[in-house]
Amino acid sequence: MESGPAIFTGAVFALFGVVLLGWTAVRVRHREPVALGVHQITAATAASVIGLGAVALGAWCFSLQ
């Protein structure tokens, strides 16, 4: 992959992951639902795993340069 698209893709994934992790942390701290109709622990765990995966994927894209 060329460096331009790799940088853009890595930035998108990293930004999405960081924002998702931050949003999840705020919702859990305020004891508000993370996802409607889903048990809070399950929703927070799933959102955290997806957020960490997105950050890891973004870091992997940055390493392709």
PDB file of N, CA and C in Angstrom:
ATOM      1  N   MET A   1       0.853  -1.170   0.000  1.00  0.00           N
ATOM      2  CA  MET A   1       0.000   0.000   0.000  1.00  0.00           C
ATOM      3  C   MET A   1       0.898   1.231   0.000  1.00  0.00           C
ATOM      4  N   GLU A   2       0.512   2.216  -0.765  1.00  0.00           N
ATOM      5  CA  GLU A   2       1.274   3.456  -0.815  1.00  0.00           C
ATOM      6  C   GLU A   2       1.146   4.196   0.508  1.00  0.00           C
ATOM      7  N   SER A   3       2.077   5.070   0.797  1.00  0.00           N
ATOM      8  CA  SER A   3       2.095   5.723   2.105  1.00  0.00           C
ATOM      9  C   SER A   3       0.923   6.678   2.311  1.00  0.00           C
ATOM     10  N   GLY A   4       0.453   7.347   1.282  1.00  0.00           N
ATOM     11  CA  GLY A   4      -0.667   8.288   1.436  1.00  0.00           C
ATOM     12  C   GLY A   4      -1.936   7.612   1.907  1.00  0.00           C
ATOM     13  N   PRO A   5      -2.404   6.580   1.196  1.00  0.00           N
ATOM     14  CA  PRO A   5      -3.599   5.877   1.657  1.00  0.00           C
ATOM     15  C   PRO A   5      -3.397   5.183   3.004  1.00  0.00           C
ATOM     16  N   ALA A   6      -2.198   4.695   3.275  1.00  0.00           N
ATOM     17  CA  ALA A   6      -1.933   4.035   4.555  1.00  0.00           C
ATOM     18  C   ALA A   6      -2.047   5.026   5.707  1.00  0.00           C
ATOM     19  N   ILE A   7      -1.553   6.225   5.508  1.00  0.00           N
ATOM     20  CA  ILE A   7      -1.639   7.249   6.551  1.00  0.00           C
ATOM     21  C   ILE A   7      -3.092   7.641   6.786  1.00  0.00           C
ATOM     22  N   PHE A   8      -3.840   7.852   5.703  1.00  0.00           N
ATOM     23  CA  PHE A   8      -5.239   8.232   5.835  1.00  0.00           C
ATOM     24  C   PHE A   8      -6.044   7.129   6.524  1.00  0.00           C
ATOM     25  N   THR A   9      -5.871   5.891   6.077  1.00  0.00           N
ATOM     26  CA  THR A   9      -6.605   4.768   6.655  1.00  0.00           C
ATOM     27  C   THR A   9      -6.233   4.570   8.117  1.00  0.00           C
ATOM     28  N   GLY A  10      -4.948   4.660   8.433  1.00  0.00           N
ATOM     29  CA  GLY A  10      -4.508   4.524   9.817  1.00  0.00           C
ATOM     30  C   GLY A  10      -5.085   5.618  10.704  1.00  0.00           C
ATOM     31  N   ALA A  11      -5.141   6.832  10.187  1.00  0.00           N
ATOM     32  CA  ALA A  11      -5.701   7.937  10.967  1.00  0.00           C
ATOM     33  C   ALA A  11      -7.189   7.737  11.220  1.00  0.00           C
ATOM     34  N   VAL A  12      -7.910   7.256  10.207  1.00  0.00           N
ATOM     35  CA  VAL A  12      -9.348   7.029  10.370  1.00  0.00           C
ATOM     36  C   VAL A  12      -9.604   5.950  11.412  1.00  0.00           C
ATOM     37  N   PHE A  13      -8.916   4.830  11.300  1.00  0.00           N
ATOM     38  CA  PHE A  13      -9.109   3.746  12.269  1.00  0.00           C
ATOM     39  C   PHE A  13      -8.700   4.171  13.677  1.00  0.00           C
ATOM     40  N   ALA A  14      -7.560   4.847  13.805  1.00  0.00           N
ATOM     41  CA  ALA A  14      -7.095   5.268  15.125  1.00  0.00           C
ATOM     42  C   ALA A  14      -8.053   6.278  15.750  1.00  0.00           C
ATOM     43  N   LEU A  15      -8.516   7.240  14.964  1.00  0.00           N
ATOM     44  CA  LEU A  15      -9.451   8.232  15.483  1.00  0.00           C
ATOM     45  C   LEU A  15     -10.769   7.580  15.913  1.00  0.00           C
ATOM     46  N   PHE A  16     -11.294   6.693  15.080  1.00  0.00           N
ATOM     47  CA  PHE A  16     -12.526   5.987  15.432  1.00  0.00           C
ATOM     48  C   PHE A  16     -12.347   5.198  16.722  1.00  0.00           C
ATOM     49  N   GLY A  17     -11.253   4.472  16.855  1.00  0.00           N
ATOM     50  CA  GLY A  17     -11.010   3.666  18.046  1.00  0.00           C
ATOM     51  C   GLY A  17     -10.893   4.500  19.309  1.00  0.00           C
ATOM     52  N   VAL A  18     -10.161   5.591  19.229  1.00  0.00           N
ATOM     53  CA  VAL A  18      -9.974   6.453  20.405  1.00  0.00           C
ATOM     54  C   VAL A  18     -11.293   7.097  20.815  1.00  0.00           C
ATOM     55  N   VAL A  19     -12.055   7.574  19.844  1.00  0.00           N
ATOM     56  CA  VAL A  19     -13.342   8.202  20.165  1.00  0.00           C
ATOM     57  C   VAL A  19     -14.315   7.178  20.741  1.00  0.00           C
ATOM     58  N   LEU A  20     -14.346   5.971  20.187  1.00  0.00           N
ATOM     59  CA  LEU A  20     -15.230   4.930  20.714  1.00  0.00           C
ATOM     60  C   LEU A  20     -14.850   4.548  22.137  1.00  0.00           C
ATOM     61  N   LEU A  21     -13.565   4.414  22.419  1.00  0.00           N
ATOM     62  CA  LEU A  21     -13.133   4.095  23.778  1.00  0.00           C
ATOM     63  C   LEU A  21     -13.479   5.221  24.748  1.00  0.00           C
ATOM     64  N   GLY A  22     -13.285   6.457  24.335  1.00  0.00           N
ATOM     65  CA  GLY A  22     -13.627   7.586  25.198  1.00  0.00           C
ATOM     66  C   GLY A  22     -15.117   7.686  25.464  1.00  0.00           C
ATOM     67  N   TRP A  23     -15.907   7.504  24.413  1.00  0.00           N
ATOM     68  CA  TRP A  23     -17.367   7.563  24.562  1.00  0.00           C
ATOM     69  C   TRP A  23     -17.854   6.445  25.483  1.00  0.00           C
ATOM     70  N   THR A  24     -17.308   5.254  25.311  1.00  0.00           N
ATOM     71  CA  THR A  24     -17.693   4.126  26.162  1.00  0.00           C
ATOM     72  C   THR A  24     -17.327   4.396  27.614  1.00  0.00           C
ATOM     73  N   ALA A  25     -16.154   4.940  27.851  1.00  0.00           N
ATOM     74  CA  ALA A  25     -15.728   5.232  29.223  1.00  0.00           C
ATOM     75  C   ALA A  25     -16.643   6.257  29.884  1.00  0.00           C
ATOM     76  N   VAL A  26     -17.032   7.286  29.146  1.00  0.00           N
ATOM     77  CA  VAL A  26     -17.921   8.304  29.702  1.00  0.00           C
ATOM     78  C   VAL A  26     -19.287   7.708  30.028  1.00  0.00           C
ATOM     79  N   ARG A  27     -19.820   6.894  29.121  1.00  0.00           N
ATOM     80  CA  ARG A  27     -21.139   6.284  29.346  1.00  0.00           C
ATOM     81  C   ARG A  27     -21.109   5.349  30.561  1.00  0.00           C
ATOM     82  N   VAL A  28     -20.049   4.575  30.699  1.00  0.00           N
ATOM     83  CA  VAL A  28     -19.954   3.648  31.835  1.00  0.00           C
ATOM     84  C   VAL A  28     -19.778   4.434  33.132  1.00  0.00           C
ATOM     85  N   ARG A  29     -18.960   5.473  33.105  1.00  0.00           N
ATOM     86  CA  ARG A  29     -18.723   6.272  34.316  1.00  0.00           C
ATOM     87  C   ARG A  29     -20.007   6.934  34.813  1.00  0.00           C
ATOM     88  N   HIS A  30     -20.851   7.373  33.897  1.00  0.00           N
ATOM     89  CA  HIS A  30     -22.120   8.006  34.277  1.00  0.00           C
ATOM     90  C   HIS A  30     -23.244   7.003  34.480  1.00  0.00           C
ATOM     91  N   ARG A  31     -22.913   5.732  34.359  1.00  0.00           N
ATOM     92  CA  ARG A  31     -23.881   4.633  34.528  1.00  0.00           C
ATOM     93  C   ARG A  31     -25.062   4.766  33.568  1.00  0.00           C
ATOM     94  N   GLU A  32     -24.773   5.188  32.362  1.00  0.00           N
ATOM     95  CA  GLU A  32     -25.779   5.282  31.307  1.00  0.00           C
ATOM     96  C   GLU A  32     -25.592   4.096  30.369  1.00  0.00           C
ATOM     97  N   PRO A  33     -26.634   3.709  29.650  1.00  0.00           N
ATOM     98  CA  PRO A  33     -26.491   2.553  28.758  1.00  0.00           C
ATOM     99  C   PRO A  33     -25.526   2.828  27.605  1.00  0.00           C
ATOM    100  N   VAL A  34     -24.720   1.843  27.303  1.00  0.00           N
ATOM    101  CA  VAL A  34     -23.799   1.948  26.173  1.00  0.00           C
ATOM    102  C   VAL A  34     -24.543   1.608  24.889  1.00  0.00           C
ATOM    103  N   ALA A  35     -25.403   0.605  24.951  1.00  0.00           N
ATOM    104  CA  ALA A  35     -26.259   0.229  23.824  1.00  0.00           C
ATOM    105  C   ALA A  35     -27.630  -0.102  24.385  1.00  0.00           C
ATOM    106  N   LEU A  36     -28.661   0.403  23.751  1.00  0.00           N
ATOM    107  CA  LEU A  36     -30.012   0.169  24.254  1.00  0.00           C
ATOM    108  C   LEU A  36     -30.414  -1.290  24.064  1.00  0.00           C
ATOM    109  N   GLY A  37     -30.986  -1.869  25.106  1.00  0.00           N
ATOM    110  CA  GLY A  37     -31.476  -3.238  25.031  1.00  0.00           C
ATOM    111  C   GLY A  37     -30.425  -4.302  25.255  1.00  0.00           C
ATOM    112  N   VAL A  38     -29.212  -3.911  25.615  1.00  0.00           N
ATOM    113  CA  VAL A  38     -28.130  -4.866  25.836  1.00  0.00           C
ATOM    114  C   VAL A  38     -27.615  -4.650  27.254  1.00  0.00           C
ATOM    115  N   HIS A  39     -27.249  -5.750  27.927  1.00  0.00           N
ATOM    116  CA  HIS A  39     -26.687  -5.652  29.278  1.00  0.00           C
ATOM    117  C   HIS A  39     -25.457  -4.755  29.234  1.00  0.00           C
ATOM    118  N   GLN A  40     -25.300  -3.870  30.227  1.00  0.00           N
ATOM    119  CA  GLN A  40     -24.247  -2.859  30.195  1.00  0.00           C
ATOM    120  C   GLN A  40     -22.846  -3.461  30.134  1.00  0.00           C
ATOM    121  N   ILE A  41     -22.605  -4.537  30.870  1.00  0.00           N
ATOM    122  CA  ILE A  41     -21.267  -5.139  30.862  1.00  0.00           C
ATOM    123  C   ILE A  41     -20.954  -5.713  29.482  1.00  0.00           C
ATOM    124  N   THR A  42     -21.933  -6.363  28.875  1.00  0.00           N
ATOM    125  CA  THR A  42     -21.734  -6.932  27.548  1.00  0.00           C
ATOM    126  C   THR A  42     -21.481  -5.839  26.518  1.00  0.00           C
ATOM    127  N   ALA A  43     -22.279  -4.783  26.557  1.00  0.00           N
ATOM    128  CA  ALA A  43     -22.128  -3.693  25.598  1.00  0.00           C
ATOM    129  C   ALA A  43     -20.801  -2.967  25.787  1.00  0.00           C
ATOM    130  N   ALA A  44     -20.413  -2.718  27.029  1.00  0.00           N
ATOM    131  CA  ALA A  44     -19.151  -2.018  27.292  1.00  0.00           C
ATOM    132  C   ALA A  44     -17.961  -2.871  26.866  1.00  0.00           C
ATOM    133  N   THR A  45     -18.045  -4.168  27.109  1.00  0.00           N
ATOM    134  CA  THR A  45     -16.962  -5.058  26.701  1.00  0.00           C
ATOM    135  C   THR A  45     -16.839  -5.108  25.184  1.00  0.00           C
ATOM    136  N   ALA A  46     -17.966  -5.261  24.499  1.00  0.00           N
ATOM    137  CA  ALA A  46     -17.935  -5.319  23.038  1.00  0.00           C
ATOM    138  C   ALA A  46     -17.418  -4.011  22.444  1.00  0.00           C
ATOM    139  N   ALA A  47     -17.871  -2.882  22.967  1.00  0.00           N
ATOM    140  CA  ALA A  47     -17.417  -1.589  22.451  1.00  0.00           C
ATOM    141  C   ALA A  47     -15.924  -1.389  22.711  1.00  0.00           C
ATOM    142  N   SER A  48     -15.455  -1.836  23.867  1.00  0.00           N
ATOM    143  CA  SER A  48     -14.032  -1.705  24.185  1.00  0.00           C
ATOM    144  C   SER A  48     -13.171  -2.574  23.278  1.00  0.00           C
ATOM    145  N   VAL A  49     -13.621  -3.793  23.032  1.00  0.00           N
ATOM    146  CA  VAL A  49     -12.866  -4.692  22.145  1.00  0.00           C
ATOM    147  C   VAL A  49     -12.822  -4.130  20.724  1.00  0.00           C
ATOM    148  N   ILE A  50     -13.934  -3.613  20.247  1.00  0.00           N
ATOM    149  CA  ILE A  50     -13.965  -3.032  18.907  1.00  0.00           C
ATOM    150  C   ILE A  50     -13.091  -1.779  18.847  1.00  0.00           C
ATOM    151  N   GLY A  51     -13.135  -0.951  19.893  1.00  0.00           N
ATOM    152  CA  GLY A  51     -12.297   0.243  19.929  1.00  0.00           C
ATOM    153  C   GLY A  51     -10.818  -0.085  19.948  1.00  0.00           C
ATOM    154  N   LEU A  52     -10.429  -1.057  20.761  1.00  0.00           N
ATOM    155  CA  LEU A  52      -9.024  -1.467  20.807  1.00  0.00           C
ATOM    156  C   LEU A  52      -8.586  -2.097  19.489  1.00  0.00           C
ATOM    157  N   GLY A  53      -9.492  -2.848  18.877  1.00  0.00           N
ATOM    158  CA  GLY A  53      -9.181  -3.431  17.575  1.00  0.00           C
ATOM    159  C   GLY A  53      -8.969  -2.363  16.514  1.00  0.00           C
ATOM    160  N   ALA A  54      -9.781  -1.322  16.546  1.00  0.00           N
ATOM    161  CA  ALA A  54      -9.626  -0.231  15.584  1.00  0.00           C
ATOM    162  C   ALA A  54      -8.316   0.512  15.801  1.00  0.00           C
ATOM    163  N   VAL A  55      -7.945   0.731  17.051  1.00  0.00           N
ATOM    164  CA  VAL A  55      -6.669   1.400  17.339  1.00  0.00           C
ATOM    165  C   VAL A  55      -5.503   0.528  16.866  1.00  0.00           C
ATOM    166  N   ALA A  56      -5.592  -0.777  17.128  1.00  0.00           N
ATOM    167  CA  ALA A  56      -4.539  -1.691  16.684  1.00  0.00           C
ATOM    168  C   ALA A  56      -4.447  -1.734  15.159  1.00  0.00           C
ATOM    169  N   LEU A  57      -5.587  -1.738  14.489  1.00  0.00           N
ATOM    170  CA  LEU A  57      -5.594  -1.731  13.029  1.00  0.00           C
ATOM    171  C   LEU A  57      -5.002  -0.430  12.492  1.00  0.00           C
ATOM    172  N   GLY A  58      -5.301   0.675  13.143  1.00  0.00           N
ATOM    173  CA  GLY A  58      -4.707   1.950  12.743  1.00  0.00           C
ATOM    174  C   GLY A  58      -3.199   1.949  12.920  1.00  0.00           C
ATOM    175  N   ALA A  59      -2.731   1.387  14.034  1.00  0.00           N
ATOM    176  CA  ALA A  59      -1.285   1.297  14.259  1.00  0.00           C
ATOM    177  C   ALA A  59      -0.629   0.400  13.214  1.00  0.00           C
ATOM    178  N   TRP A  60      -1.307  -0.675  12.836  1.00  0.00           N
ATOM    179  CA  TRP A  60      -0.776  -1.572  11.809  1.00  0.00           C
ATOM    180  C   TRP A  60      -0.681  -0.847  10.465  1.00  0.00           C
ATOM    181  N   CYS A  61      -1.684  -0.043  10.157  1.00  0.00           N
ATOM    182  CA  CYS A  61      -1.650   0.725   8.901  1.00  0.00           C
ATOM    183  C   CYS A  61      -0.501   1.717   8.902  1.00  0.00           C
ATOM    184  N   PHE A  62      -0.213   2.331  10.045  1.00  0.00           N
ATOM    185  CA  PHE A  62       0.915   3.265  10.130  1.00  0.00           C
ATOM    186  C   PHE A  62       2.241   2.536   9.956  1.00  0.00           C
ATOM    187  N   SER A  63       2.296   1.264  10.328  1.00  0.00           N
ATOM    188  CA  SER A  63       3.558   0.525  10.212  1.00  0.00           C
ATOM    189  C   SER A  63       3.847   0.100   8.779  1.00  0.00           C
ATOM    190  N   LEU A  64       2.886   0.242   7.858  1.00  0.00           N
ATOM    191  CA  LEU A  64       3.078  -0.169   6.472  1.00  0.00           C
ATOM    192  C   LEU A  64       3.880   0.847   5.655  1.00  0.00           C
ATOM    193  N   GLN A  65       4.141   1.989   6.210  1.00  0.00           N
ATOM    194  CA  GLN A  65       4.826   3.046   5.449  1.00  0.00           C
ATOM    195  C   GLN A  65       6.231   2.668   5.101  1.00  0.00           C
TER     196      GLN A  65
END
